[in-house]
C-alpha atoms as a PDB file:
ATOM      1  CA  MET A   1       0.000   0.000   0.000  1.00  0.00           C
ATOM      2  CA  PHE A   2       1.388   3.405  -1.031  1.00  0.00           C
ATOM      3  CA  TRP A   3       0.022   6.814  -0.028  1.00  0.00           C
ATOM      4  CA  ASP A   4       0.991  10.465  -0.157  1.00  0.00           C
ATOM      5  CA  LYS A   5       0.636  13.433   2.200  1.00  0.00           C
ATOM      6  CA  ASN A   6      -2.842  14.154   0.808  1.00  0.00           C
ATOM      7  CA  ASN A   7      -3.989  10.650   1.795  1.00  0.00           C
ATOM      8  CA  ASN A   8      -4.265   9.489  -1.805  1.00  0.00           C
ATOM      9  CA  PHE A   9      -3.384   5.815  -1.946  1.00  0.00           C
ATOM     10  CA  ALA A  10      -2.785   2.907  -4.294  1.00  0.00           C
ATOM     11  CA  PHE A  11      -2.647  -0.801  -3.607  1.00  0.00           C
ATOM     12  CA  VAL A  12      -0.212  -2.676  -5.845  1.00  0.00           C
ATOM     13  CA  PRO A  13       0.295  -6.465  -5.681  1.00  0.00           C
ATOM     14  CA  VAL A  14       4.050  -7.133  -5.588  1.00  0.00           C
ATOM     15  CA  GLU A  15       5.618 -10.436  -6.616  1.00  0.00           C
ATOM     16  CA  ASP A  16       9.218  -9.989  -5.441  1.00  0.00           C
ATOM     17  CA  GLU A  17      11.796  -7.602  -3.929  1.00  0.00           C
ATOM     18  CA  GLU A  18      13.006  -6.425  -7.336  1.00  0.00           C
ATOM     19  CA  GLU A  19       9.538  -5.234  -8.272  1.00  0.00           C
ATOM     20  CA  LEU A  20       9.155  -3.453  -4.924  1.00  0.00           C
ATOM     21  CA  LEU A  21      12.423  -1.562  -5.490  1.00  0.00           C
ATOM     22  CA  TYR A  22      11.173  -0.543  -8.925  1.00  0.00           C
ATOM     23  CA  LEU A  23       8.019   0.913  -7.357  1.00  0.00           C
ATOM     24  CA  TYR A  24      10.104   2.905  -4.853  1.00  0.00           C
ATOM     25  CA  LYS A  25      11.954   4.458  -7.807  1.00  0.00           C
ATOM     26  CA  ILE A  26       8.635   5.497  -9.300  1.00  0.00           C
ATOM     27  CA  ILE A  27       7.687   7.219  -6.042  1.00  0.00           C
ATOM     28  CA  TYR A  28      11.006   9.030  -6.020  1.00  0.00           C
ATOM     29  CA  TYR A  29      11.049  10.204  -9.652  1.00  0.00           C
ATOM     30  CA  GLU A  30       7.415  10.521 -10.717  1.00  0.00           C
ATOM     31  CA  ARG A  31       5.521  13.681  -9.777  1.00  0.00           C
ATOM     32  CA  ASP A  32       2.074  12.014  -9.887  1.00  0.00           C
ATOM     33  CA  SER A  33       3.339   8.765  -8.481  1.00  0.00           C
ATOM     34  CA  ILE A  34       0.021   7.589  -6.961  1.00  0.00           C
ATOM     35  CA  ASP A  35      -1.796   7.881 -10.305  1.00  0.00           C
ATOM     36  CA  TYR A  36       1.072   6.065 -11.990  1.00  0.00           C
ATOM     37  CA  LEU A  37       0.931   3.291  -9.394  1.00  0.00           C
ATOM     38  CA  ARG A  38      -2.810   2.909  -9.865  1.00  0.00           C
ATOM     39  CA  ARG A  39      -2.364   2.523 -13.619  1.00  0.00           C
ATOM     40  CA  TYR A  40       0.442   0.054 -12.996  1.00  0.00           C
ATOM     41  CA  ALA A  41      -1.765  -1.987 -10.660  1.00  0.00           C
ATOM     42  CA  ASN A  42      -4.639  -2.017 -13.175  1.00  0.00           C
ATOM     43  CA  LYS A  43      -2.345  -3.420 -15.849  1.00  0.00           C
ATOM     44  CA  LYS A  44      -1.328  -6.223 -13.488  1.00  0.00           C
ATOM     45  CA  ARG A  45      -4.906  -7.021 -12.553  1.00  0.00           C
ATOM     46  CA  LYS A  46      -6.215 -10.229 -14.019  1.00  0.00           C
ATOM     47  CA  SER A  47      -9.652  -9.957 -15.584  1.00  0.00           C
ATOM     48  CA  SER A  48     -12.463 -11.819 -13.855  1.00  0.00           C
ATOM     49  CA  TYR A  49     -14.974 -14.200 -15.393  1.00  0.00           C
ATOM     50  CA  TYR A  50     -18.627 -13.655 -14.601  1.00  0.00           C
ATOM     51  CA  TYR A  51     -21.529 -15.845 -15.649  1.00  0.00           C
ATOM     52  CA  PHE A  52     -25.045 -14.449 -15.306  1.00  0.00           C
ATOM     53  CA  HIS A  53     -27.331 -17.402 -14.588  1.00  0.00           C
ATOM     54  CA  LEU A  54     -30.882 -16.773 -15.825  1.00  0.00           C
ATOM     55  CA  SER A  55     -33.823 -19.141 -16.037  1.00  0.00           C
ATOM     56  CA  ASP A  56     -37.553 -19.502 -16.644  1.00  0.00           C
ATOM     57  CA  LEU A  57     -38.082 -16.347 -18.690  1.00  0.00           C
ATOM     58  CA  HIS A  58     -41.389 -17.696 -20.044  1.00  0.00           C
ATOM     59  CA  ILE A  59     -41.474 -15.251 -22.928  1.00  0.00           C
ATOM     60  CA  GLY A  60     -45.002 -15.149 -24.273  1.00  0.00           C
ATOM     61  CA  THR A  61     -46.812 -15.030 -20.928  1.00  0.00           C
ATOM     62  CA  ARG A  62     -49.071 -12.122 -20.042  1.00  0.00           C
ATOM     63  CA  ASN A  63     -47.204  -8.959 -18.898  1.00  0.00           C
ATOM     64  CA  VAL A  64     -43.788 -10.590 -19.392  1.00  0.00           C
ATOM     65  CA  ASP A  65     -42.645  -7.689 -21.594  1.00  0.00           C
ATOM     66  CA  VAL A  66     -42.636  -5.339 -18.598  1.00  0.00           C
ATOM     67  CA  SER A  67     -40.489  -7.631 -16.467  1.00  0.00           C
ATOM     68  CA  LYS A  68     -38.266  -8.559 -19.428  1.00  0.00           C
ATOM     69  CA  LYS A  69     -37.490  -4.880 -19.992  1.00  0.00           C
ATOM     70  CA  ARG A  70     -36.763  -4.524 -16.269  1.00  0.00           C
ATOM     71  CA  LEU A  71     -34.427  -7.534 -16.376  1.00  0.00           C
ATOM     72  CA  LYS A  72     -32.492  -5.937 -19.233  1.00  0.00           C
ATOM     73  CA  SER A  73     -32.040  -2.783 -17.157  1.00  0.00           C
ATOM     74  CA  LEU A  74     -30.842  -4.735 -14.113  1.00  0.00           C
ATOM     75  CA  ILE A  75     -28.333  -6.686 -16.218  1.00  0.00           C
ATOM     76  CA  THR A  76     -27.027  -3.491 -17.812  1.00  0.00           C
ATOM     77  CA  LYS A  77     -26.580  -1.849 -14.417  1.00  0.00           C
ATOM     78  CA  GLN A  78     -24.884  -4.934 -12.965  1.00  0.00           C
ATOM     79  CA  ILE A  79     -22.414  -5.079 -15.841  1.00  0.00           C
ATOM     80  CA  SER A  80     -21.607  -1.363 -15.547  1.00  0.00           C
ATOM     81  CA  ALA A  81     -20.367  -2.016 -11.988  1.00  0.00           C
ATOM     82  CA  LEU A  82     -17.770  -4.514 -13.260  1.00  0.00           C
ATOM     83  CA  GLU A  83     -14.325  -3.665 -14.588  1.00  0.00           C
ATOM     84  CA  PRO A  84     -14.181  -2.905 -18.338  1.00  0.00           C
ATOM     85  CA  ASP A  85     -11.887  -5.867 -19.049  1.00  0.00           C
ATOM     86  CA  ASP A  86     -13.946  -8.407 -17.102  1.00  0.00           C
ATOM     87  CA  ASN A  87     -15.390 -11.281 -19.105  1.00  0.00           C
ATOM     88  CA  ILE A  88     -19.153 -11.765 -19.149  1.00  0.00           C
ATOM     89  CA  ASP A  89     -21.188 -14.772 -20.262  1.00  0.00           C
ATOM     90  CA  PHE A  90     -24.802 -15.797 -19.856  1.00  0.00           C
ATOM     91  CA  ILE A  91     -26.350 -19.155 -18.961  1.00  0.00           C
ATOM     92  CA  ILE A  92     -30.080 -19.857 -19.374  1.00  0.00           C
ATOM     93  CA  THR A  93     -31.315 -23.069 -17.755  1.00  0.00           C
ATOM     94  CA  GLY A  94     -34.510 -23.535 -19.698  1.00  0.00           C
ATOM     95  CA  ASP A  95     -38.059 -22.295 -20.195  1.00  0.00           C
ATOM     96  CA  ALA A  96     -36.969 -19.370 -22.334  1.00  0.00           C
ATOM     97  CA  VAL A  97     -40.501 -19.359 -23.769  1.00  0.00           C
ATOM     98  CA  ASP A  98     -43.850 -20.310 -22.286  1.00  0.00           C
ATOM     99  CA  SER A  99     -44.792 -22.396 -25.316  1.00  0.00           C
ATOM    100  CA  PRO A 100     -42.718 -23.246 -28.407  1.00  0.00           C
ATOM    101  CA  THR A 101     -44.565 -21.017 -30.858  1.00  0.00           C
ATOM    102  CA  LYS A 102     -43.072 -18.956 -33.671  1.00  0.00           C
ATOM    103  CA  VAL A 103     -44.020 -15.646 -32.027  1.00  0.00           C
ATOM    104  CA  ASN A 104     -42.516 -16.650 -28.673  1.00  0.00           C
ATOM    105  CA  ASN A 105     -39.355 -17.878 -30.340  1.00  0.00           C
ATOM    106  CA  TYR A 106     -38.938 -14.516 -32.049  1.00  0.00           C
ATOM    107  CA  GLY A 107     -39.292 -12.888 -28.642  1.00  0.00           C
ATOM    108  CA  TYR A 108     -36.545 -15.077 -27.234  1.00  0.00           C
ATOM    109  CA  VAL A 109     -34.251 -14.381 -30.206  1.00  0.00           C
ATOM    110  CA  ASP A 110     -34.630 -10.657 -29.506  1.00  0.00           C
ATOM    111  CA  PHE A 111     -33.697 -11.171 -25.843  1.00  0.00           C
ATOM    112  CA  SER A 112     -30.835 -13.481 -26.756  1.00  0.00           C
ATOM    113  CA  GLU A 113     -29.435 -10.830 -29.102  1.00  0.00           C
ATOM    114  CA  PHE A 114     -29.538  -8.333 -26.236  1.00  0.00           C
ATOM    115  CA  LEU A 115     -27.449 -10.706 -24.096  1.00  0.00           C
ATOM    116  CA  GLU A 116     -25.047 -11.266 -26.977  1.00  0.00           C
ATOM    117  CA  SER A 117     -24.588  -7.500 -27.314  1.00  0.00           C
ATOM    118  CA  LYS A 118     -23.421  -7.412 -23.682  1.00  0.00           C
ATOM    119  CA  SER A 119     -21.043 -10.357 -23.812  1.00  0.00           C
ATOM    120  CA  GLY A 120     -20.057 -10.730 -27.448  1.00  0.00           C
ATOM    121  CA  LYS A 121     -21.158 -14.380 -27.295  1.00  0.00           C
ATOM    122  CA  LYS A 122     -24.373 -16.327 -27.601  1.00  0.00           C
ATOM    123  CA  PRO A 123     -25.755 -17.417 -24.211  1.00  0.00           C
ATOM    124  CA  ILE A 124     -25.257 -21.004 -23.120  1.00  0.00           C
ATOM    125  CA  PHE A 125     -28.723 -22.531 -23.218  1.00  0.00           C
ATOM    126  CA  VAL A 126     -30.402 -25.792 -22.207  1.00  0.00           C
ATOM    127  CA  LEU A 127     -34.003 -26.725 -22.923  1.00  0.00           C
ATOM    128  CA  GLY A 128     -36.823 -26.547 -20.391  1.00  0.00           C
ATOM    129  CA  ASN A 129     -40.150 -28.356 -20.545  1.00  0.00           C
ATOM    130  CA  HIS A 130     -41.905 -25.193 -21.804  1.00  0.00           C
ATOM    131  CA  ASP A 131     -39.407 -24.909 -24.653  1.00  0.00           C
ATOM    132  CA  VAL A 132     -40.455 -28.355 -25.855  1.00  0.00           C
ATOM    133  CA  ASN A 133     -44.160 -28.748 -24.970  1.00  0.00           C
ATOM    134  CA  ILE A 134     -47.185 -26.468 -25.197  1.00  0.00           C
ATOM    135  CA  LYS A 135     -47.523 -24.792 -21.786  1.00  0.00           C
ATOM    136  CA  GLY A 136     -44.786 -27.144 -20.590  1.00  0.00           C
ATOM    137  CA  LEU A 137     -47.077 -30.189 -20.330  1.00  0.00           C
ATOM    138  CA  ALA A 138     -46.019 -33.446 -21.972  1.00  0.00           C
ATOM    139  CA  PHE A 139     -48.338 -36.237 -23.057  1.00  0.00           C
ATOM    140  CA  ASN A 140     -46.970 -39.406 -24.648  1.00  0.00           C
ATOM    141  CA  HIS A 141     -43.560 -37.714 -24.976  1.00  0.00           C
ATOM    142  CA  ARG A 142     -44.266 -36.542 -28.546  1.00  0.00           C
ATOM    143  CA  ASN A 143     -41.810 -33.647 -28.675  1.00  0.00           C
ATOM    144  CA  GLN A 144     -39.377 -34.718 -25.974  1.00  0.00           C
ATOM    145  CA  ARG A 145     -37.435 -37.367 -27.846  1.00  0.00           C
ATOM    146  CA  LEU A 146     -37.039 -35.127 -30.891  1.00  0.00           C
ATOM    147  CA  ALA A 147     -35.601 -32.317 -28.737  1.00  0.00           C
ATOM    148  CA  ASN A 148     -32.401 -34.270 -28.078  1.00  0.00           C
ATOM    149  CA  TYR A 149     -31.544 -34.377 -31.755  1.00  0.00           C
ATOM    150  CA  VAL A 150     -32.610 -30.831 -32.576  1.00  0.00           C
ATOM    151  CA  GLY A 151     -30.638 -29.418 -29.628  1.00  0.00           C
ATOM    152  CA  ASN A 152     -27.642 -31.727 -30.159  1.00  0.00           C
ATOM    153  CA  TYR A 153     -27.724 -33.061 -26.594  1.00  0.00           C
ATOM    154  CA  PRO A 154     -25.656 -33.869 -24.707  1.00  0.00           C
ATOM    155  CA  ASP A 155     -22.952 -31.316 -25.441  1.00  0.00           C
ATOM    156  CA  ILE A 156     -20.098 -29.500 -23.716  1.00  0.00           C
ATOM    157  CA  GLN A 157     -18.689 -25.994 -23.765  1.00  0.00           C
ATOM    158  CA  ILE A 158     -15.113 -25.445 -22.631  1.00  0.00           C
ATOM    159  CA  ASN A 159     -13.678 -22.293 -21.071  1.00  0.00           C
ATOM    160  CA  ASP A 160      -9.918 -22.800 -21.207  1.00  0.00           C
ATOM    161  CA  GLU A 161      -9.202 -19.492 -19.453  1.00  0.00           C
ATOM    162  CA  ILE A 162     -10.744 -20.651 -16.177  1.00  0.00           C
ATOM    163  CA  LYS A 163     -10.416 -24.381 -16.849  1.00  0.00           C
ATOM    164  CA  VAL A 164     -14.146 -25.121 -16.662  1.00  0.00           C
ATOM    165  CA  ILE A 165     -16.219 -27.463 -18.810  1.00  0.00           C
ATOM    166  CA  PHE A 166     -19.971 -26.932 -18.894  1.00  0.00           C
ATOM    167  CA  LEU A 167     -21.966 -30.131 -19.445  1.00  0.00           C
ATOM    168  CA  LEU A 168     -25.244 -29.431 -21.265  1.00  0.00           C
ATOM    169  CA  PHE A 169     -28.069 -31.895 -20.631  1.00  0.00           C
ATOM    170  CA  ASN A 170     -31.623 -32.048 -21.913  1.00  0.00           C
ATOM    171  CA  SER A 171     -33.763 -33.063 -18.932  1.00  0.00           C
ATOM    172  CA  ASN A 172     -36.936 -33.310 -21.041  1.00  0.00           C
ATOM    173  CA  THR A 173     -36.424 -36.708 -22.648  1.00  0.00           C
ATOM    174  CA  ASN A 174     -39.241 -38.477 -20.825  1.00  0.00           C
ATOM    175  CA  GLY A 175     -42.049 -37.951 -18.352  1.00  0.00           C
ATOM    176  CA  ASN A 176     -45.637 -36.758 -18.265  1.00  0.00           C
ATOM    177  CA  PHE A 177     -46.894 -33.295 -17.361  1.00  0.00           C
ATOM    178  CA  ALA A 178     -43.803 -31.296 -16.229  1.00  0.00           C
ATOM    179  CA  GLU A 179     -41.672 -34.298 -15.290  1.00  0.00           C
ATOM    180  CA  GLY A 180     -38.209 -34.791 -16.738  1.00  0.00           C
ATOM    181  CA  GLU A 181     -35.505 -37.373 -17.203  1.00  0.00           C
ATOM    182  CA  ILE A 182     -31.867 -37.403 -18.313  1.00  0.00           C
ATOM    183  CA  GLY A 183     -31.812 -41.022 -19.406  1.00  0.00           C
ATOM    184  CA  GLN A 184     -29.169 -43.695 -19.725  1.00  0.00           C
ATOM    185  CA  GLN A 185     -28.366 -42.864 -23.347  1.00  0.00           C
ATOM    186  CA  GLN A 186     -27.573 -39.224 -22.572  1.00  0.00           C
ATOM    187  CA  MET A 187     -25.361 -40.063 -19.591  1.00  0.00           C
ATOM    188  CA  SER A 188     -23.534 -42.658 -21.668  1.00  0.00           C
ATOM    189  CA  GLU A 189     -22.944 -40.257 -24.545  1.00  0.00           C
ATOM    190  CA  MET A 190     -21.739 -37.514 -22.190  1.00  0.00           C
ATOM    191  CA  GLY A 191     -19.259 -40.034 -20.802  1.00  0.00           C
ATOM    192  CA  ASN A 192     -17.991 -40.684 -24.334  1.00  0.00           C
ATOM    193  CA  ILE A 193     -17.563 -36.949 -24.921  1.00  0.00           C
ATOM    194  CA  LEU A 194     -15.647 -36.426 -21.674  1.00  0.00           C
ATOM    195  CA  ASP A 195     -13.405 -39.426 -22.329  1.00  0.00           C
ATOM    196  CA  ASN A 196     -12.150 -37.626 -25.444  1.00  0.00           C
ATOM    197  CA  VAL A 197     -11.239 -34.379 -23.654  1.00  0.00           C
ATOM    198  CA  THR A 198      -7.460 -33.981 -23.421  1.00  0.00           C
ATOM    199  CA  ASN A 199      -6.202 -33.392 -19.864  1.00  0.00           C
ATOM    200  CA  LEU A 200      -9.715 -33.681 -18.444  1.00  0.00           C
ATOM    201  CA  GLN A 201      -8.319 -33.798 -14.895  1.00  0.00           C
ATOM    202  CA  GLU A 202      -7.240 -30.153 -15.234  1.00  0.00           C
ATOM    203  CA  TYR A 203     -10.836 -28.935 -15.591  1.00  0.00           C
ATOM    204  CA  LYS A 204     -13.707 -28.335 -13.207  1.00  0.00           C
ATOM    205  CA  LEU A 205     -17.022 -29.737 -14.422  1.00  0.00           C
ATOM    206  CA  VAL A 206     -20.307 -27.832 -14.178  1.00  0.00           C
ATOM    207  CA  ALA A 207     -23.568 -29.545 -15.172  1.00  0.00           C
ATOM    208  CA  LEU A 208     -26.451 -27.552 -16.669  1.00  0.00           C
ATOM    209  CA  LEU A 209     -30.023 -28.799 -16.894  1.00  0.00           C
ATOM    210  CA  HIS A 210     -33.535 -27.489 -16.370  1.00  0.00           C
ATOM    211  CA  HIS A 211     -35.165 -29.777 -13.791  1.00  0.00           C
ATOM    212  CA  HIS A 212     -34.247 -29.740 -10.113  1.00  0.00           C
ATOM    213  CA  VAL A 213     -32.163 -32.656  -8.852  1.00  0.00           C
ATOM    214  CA  THR A 214     -33.036 -32.317  -5.137  1.00  0.00           C
ATOM    215  CA  SER A 215     -36.044 -31.074  -3.209  1.00  0.00           C
ATOM    216  CA  ILE A 216     -36.388 -27.297  -2.793  1.00  0.00           C
ATOM    217  CA  GLU A 217     -37.879 -25.645   0.266  1.00  0.00           C
ATOM    218  CA  THR A 218     -40.892 -23.402  -0.289  1.00  0.00           C
ATOM    219  CA  PRO A 219     -39.890 -19.798   0.587  1.00  0.00           C
ATOM    220  CA  GLY A 220     -41.956 -17.389   2.631  1.00  0.00           C
ATOM    221  CA  PHE A 221     -42.857 -15.145  -0.309  1.00  0.00           C
ATOM    222  CA  TYR A 222     -44.380 -17.966  -2.372  1.00  0.00           C
ATOM    223  CA  ASN A 223     -48.158 -17.945  -2.791  1.00  0.00           C
ATOM    224  CA  GLU A 224     -49.568 -21.362  -3.582  1.00  0.00           C
ATOM    225  CA  LYS A 225     -51.794 -21.654  -6.642  1.00  0.00           C
ATOM    226  CA  TRP A 226     -55.345 -22.846  -6.147  1.00  0.00           C
ATOM    227  CA  TYR A 227     -54.589 -26.407  -7.274  1.00  0.00           C
ATOM    228  CA  GLU A 228     -51.537 -26.549  -4.981  1.00  0.00           C
ATOM    229  CA  LYS A 229     -53.820 -25.875  -2.036  1.00  0.00           C
ATOM    230  CA  ILE A 230     -56.153 -28.692  -3.048  1.00  0.00           C
ATOM    231  CA  LEU A 231     -53.621 -31.339  -4.084  1.00  0.00           C
ATOM    232  CA  SER A 232     -50.941 -32.785  -1.826  1.00  0.00           C
ATOM    233  CA  GLN A 233     -47.362 -31.513  -2.131  1.00  0.00           C
ATOM    234  CA  ARG A 234     -46.239 -35.069  -2.795  1.00  0.00           C
ATOM    235  CA  PHE A 235     -48.548 -35.374  -5.798  1.00  0.00           C
ATOM    236  CA  ILE A 236     -47.494 -31.977  -7.177  1.00  0.00           C
ATOM    237  CA  GLU A 237     -43.825 -32.881  -6.825  1.00  0.00           C
ATOM    238  CA  GLN A 238     -44.503 -36.102  -8.747  1.00  0.00           C
ATOM    239  CA  THR A 239     -45.624 -34.008 -11.732  1.00  0.00           C
ATOM    240  CA  LEU A 240     -42.500 -31.797 -11.638  1.00  0.00           C
ATOM    241  CA  ARG A 241     -39.688 -34.153 -10.658  1.00  0.00           C
ATOM    242  CA  LEU A 242     -36.630 -35.394 -12.489  1.00  0.00           C
ATOM    243  CA  LYS A 243     -37.490 -39.091 -12.590  1.00  0.00           C
ATOM    244  CA  ASP A 244     -33.896 -40.328 -12.535  1.00  0.00           C
ATOM    245  CA  ALA A 245     -32.505 -37.690 -10.154  1.00  0.00           C
ATOM    246  CA  ASP A 246     -30.879 -40.237  -7.829  1.00  0.00           C
ATOM    247  CA  ILE A 247     -29.009 -42.118 -10.555  1.00  0.00           C
ATOM    248  CA  PHE A 248     -28.051 -38.843 -12.234  1.00  0.00           C
ATOM    249  CA  LEU A 249     -26.608 -37.491  -8.980  1.00  0.00           C
ATOM    250  CA  GLU A 250     -24.621 -40.704  -8.613  1.00  0.00           C
ATOM    251  CA  TRP A 251     -23.301 -40.251 -12.164  1.00  0.00           C
ATOM    252  CA  LEU A 252     -22.306 -36.655 -11.364  1.00  0.00           C
ATOM    253  CA  LYS A 253     -20.482 -37.769  -8.225  1.00  0.00           C
ATOM    254  CA  ILE A 254     -18.511 -40.464 -10.035  1.00  0.00           C
ATOM    255  CA  ARG A 255     -17.627 -38.013 -12.803  1.00  0.00           C
ATOM    256  CA  ASN A 256     -16.358 -35.458 -10.243  1.00  0.00           C
ATOM    257  CA  VAL A 257     -18.878 -32.804 -11.246  1.00  0.00           C
ATOM    258  CA  SER A 258     -18.482 -30.087  -8.619  1.00  0.00           C
ATOM    259  CA  LEU A 259     -21.395 -27.789  -9.469  1.00  0.00           C
ATOM    260  CA  VAL A 260     -24.925 -28.077 -10.898  1.00  0.00           C
ATOM    261  CA  LEU A 261     -27.007 -25.165 -12.239  1.00  0.00           C
ATOM    262  CA  HIS A 262     -30.732 -25.540 -12.918  1.00  0.00           C
ATOM    263  CA  GLY A 263     -34.105 -23.784 -12.903  1.00  0.00           C
ATOM    264  CA  HIS A 264     -37.671 -25.168 -13.218  1.00  0.00           C
ATOM    265  CA  LYS A 265     -39.281 -24.353  -9.855  1.00  0.00           C
ATOM    266  CA  HIS A 266     -38.925 -20.539 -10.077  1.00  0.00           C
ATOM    267  CA  ILE A 267     -37.287 -20.483  -6.642  1.00  0.00           C
ATOM    268  CA  PRO A 268     -33.670 -19.355  -6.074  1.00  0.00           C
ATOM    269  CA  TYR A 269     -31.925 -21.899  -3.899  1.00  0.00           C
ATOM    270  CA  ILE A 270     -28.449 -23.169  -2.986  1.00  0.00           C
ATOM    271  CA  CYS A 271     -27.615 -26.463  -1.345  1.00  0.00           C
ATOM    272  CA  GLU A 272     -24.979 -29.168  -1.154  1.00  0.00           C
ATOM    273  CA  HIS A 273     -25.695 -32.847  -1.769  1.00  0.00           C
ATOM    274  CA  ASN A 274     -23.080 -35.520  -1.218  1.00  0.00           C
ATOM    275  CA  GLY A 275     -20.247 -33.144  -2.101  1.00  0.00           C
ATOM    276  CA  ILE A 276     -22.027 -31.654  -5.136  1.00  0.00           C
ATOM    277  CA  ASN A 277     -22.979 -27.975  -4.949  1.00  0.00           C
ATOM    278  CA  ILE A 278     -26.381 -27.218  -6.480  1.00  0.00           C
ATOM    279  CA  ILE A 279     -27.572 -23.749  -7.477  1.00  0.00           C
ATOM    280  CA  ALA A 280     -31.143 -23.097  -8.569  1.00  0.00           C
ATOM    281  CA  CYS A 281     -32.165 -19.926 -10.354  1.00  0.00           C
ATOM    282  CA  GLY A 282     -35.650 -18.550  -9.857  1.00  0.00           C
ATOM    283  CA  SER A 283     -37.688 -17.002 -12.637  1.00  0.00           C
ATOM    284  CA  SER A 284     -35.654 -14.144 -14.105  1.00  0.00           C
ATOM    285  CA  THR A 285     -38.825 -12.404 -15.256  1.00  0.00           C
ATOM    286  CA  GLY A 286     -40.640 -12.973 -11.974  1.00  0.00           C
ATOM    287  CA  GLN A 287     -43.110 -15.593 -13.187  1.00  0.00           C
ATOM    288  CA  VAL A 288     -44.070 -16.580  -9.678  1.00  0.00           C
ATOM    289  CA  SER A 289     -47.026 -15.823  -7.440  1.00  0.00           C
ATOM    290  CA  HIS A 290     -46.170 -13.584  -4.469  1.00  0.00           C
ATOM    291  CA  LYS A 291     -48.159 -13.536  -1.232  1.00  0.00           C
ATOM    292  CA  GLU A 292     -48.267  -9.723  -1.258  1.00  0.00           C
ATOM    293  CA  TYR A 293     -50.399  -8.056  -3.916  1.00  0.00           C
ATOM    294  CA  GLY A 294     -48.385  -6.091  -6.485  1.00  0.00           C
ATOM    295  CA  LYS A 295     -45.138  -7.902  -5.755  1.00  0.00           C
ATOM    296  CA  THR A 296     -43.185 -10.491  -7.722  1.00  0.00           C
ATOM    297  CA  TYR A 297     -39.845 -12.270  -7.333  1.00  0.00           C
ATOM    298  CA  LEU A 298     -37.662 -11.496 -10.333  1.00  0.00           C
ATOM    299  CA  SER A 299     -34.375 -13.281  -9.670  1.00  0.00           C
ATOM    300  CA  TYR A 300     -31.045 -14.160 -11.239  1.00  0.00           C
ATOM    301  CA  ASN A 301     -27.623 -15.372 -10.153  1.00  0.00           C
ATOM    302  CA  VAL A 302     -24.189 -13.870 -10.793  1.00  0.00           C
ATOM    303  CA  LEU A 303     -21.303 -16.331 -10.561  1.00  0.00           C
ATOM    304  CA  LYS A 304     -17.689 -15.185 -10.414  1.00  0.00           C
ATOM    305  CA  PHE A 305     -15.391 -18.028 -11.429  1.00  0.00           C
ATOM    306  CA  ASN A 306     -11.972 -18.022  -9.776  1.00  0.00           C
ATOM    307  CA  MET A 307      -9.314 -20.712 -10.083  1.00  0.00           C
ATOM    308  CA  ASP A 308     -10.161 -22.295  -6.715  1.00  0.00           C
ATOM    309  CA  ASN A 309     -13.760 -21.276  -6.079  1.00  0.00           C
ATOM    310  CA  VAL A 310     -16.973 -19.820  -7.412  1.00  0.00           C
ATOM    311  CA  VAL A 311     -18.609 -16.848  -5.708  1.00  0.00           C
ATOM    312  CA  CYS A 312     -22.362 -16.998  -6.315  1.00  0.00           C
ATOM    313  CA  THR A 313     -24.615 -14.064  -5.503  1.00  0.00           C
ATOM    314  CA  GLN A 314     -28.359 -14.450  -5.870  1.00  0.00           C
ATOM    315  CA  PHE A 315     -30.325 -11.285  -6.611  1.00  0.00           C
ATOM    316  CA  ALA A 316     -34.067 -10.737  -6.381  1.00  0.00           C
ATOM    317  CA  GLU A 317     -36.403  -7.812  -6.961  1.00  0.00           C
ATOM    318  CA  GLU A 318     -39.819  -8.101  -5.317  1.00  0.00           C
ATOM    319  CA  LEU A 319     -41.204  -4.735  -6.396  1.00  0.00           C
ATOM    320  CA  LEU A 320     -40.386  -3.989 -10.030  1.00  0.00           C
ATOM    321  CA  GLY A 321     -38.166  -0.945 -10.348  1.00  0.00           C
ATOM    322  CA  ALA A 322     -37.333  -0.789  -6.618  1.00  0.00           C
ATOM    323  CA  GLY A 323     -33.924  -2.404  -7.055  1.00  0.00           C
ATOM    324  CA  ALA A 324     -32.600  -5.949  -6.901  1.00  0.00           C
ATOM    325  CA  LYS A 325     -31.248  -7.032  -3.528  1.00  0.00           C
ATOM    326  CA  ASP A 326     -28.468  -9.462  -2.719  1.00  0.00           C
ATOM    327  CA  ILE A 327     -30.479 -12.211  -1.027  1.00  0.00           C
ATOM    328  CA  ARG A 328     -27.541 -14.568  -0.539  1.00  0.00           C
ATOM    329  CA  THR A 329     -23.853 -14.852  -1.378  1.00  0.00           C
ATOM    330  CA  VAL A 330     -21.919 -18.073  -1.006  1.00  0.00           C
ATOM    331  CA  ILE A 331     -18.345 -19.089  -1.793  1.00  0.00           C
ATOM    332  CA  ILE A 332     -18.225 -22.556  -3.286  1.00  0.00           C
ATOM    333  CA  GLU A 333     -14.856 -24.265  -3.028  1.00  0.00           C
ATOM    334  CA  TYR A 334     -13.881 -26.608  -5.831  1.00  0.00           C
END
């Protein structure tokens, strides 16, 4: 730490004694030494990698355009608070649209192009049940099996800068109503893909899917729908579950997957299961019923990937335009 008589200061990370002596020379010879040291420190600073985790946009639902516009503003403000050389990517864990219609798909393309304008890259995306089936409800699995081939699942995306591989799964291959399943074929094929990655042991693995892999507690803000009040929670969960969650979690454990990102239940949540960290994103356009009239729960996650850990901050805005609050921040060690 260096400072002058006017209490201006600069913090400069120093690697060795030779570099420290060089900085002392700057202080001695440079008139505006503090400004010089700040510039020097900024050049040494390594850029950070941020992933904005969004989910359950449900483009096409009533009044979603208002919350979608608000989400764009929140993302823009969040990015403006980062350093100019920081890297930004987006992850969407399903239900981009409410039903897979042409009009809704156009709406998602427009939003996707907005995200691309902020990051310079297309968002990483996995399918949700609403992206495949009308209103998200499956009968006889008509569209689900086709979705694997259209979406080219399973797939991976590699970030060599932070040594992370994202595993993209389609959790809509089977099930009735809003159920899901990964399936033996998809797990087998993902294994084949990973077996062909050079120096796989050097990477951290992050799985992306839509359906939840563990139970999620109902938060205080959540207002049950009329049918949820009539039907038992057990029955409702049966219509939403990932049918092969247990075997999939076992597969993740064996494959040393350290982190799972998903959506589906519109509730932001973080937990740990048998050494696997699980992060759920709520609905990023607030498609959830709030107990208080006039309120919503628009939420998204911001993940900062470091070499040894991931810092995840979950944001939520209950009253549109009032400002998103940090509802929880956790440091997840690899």
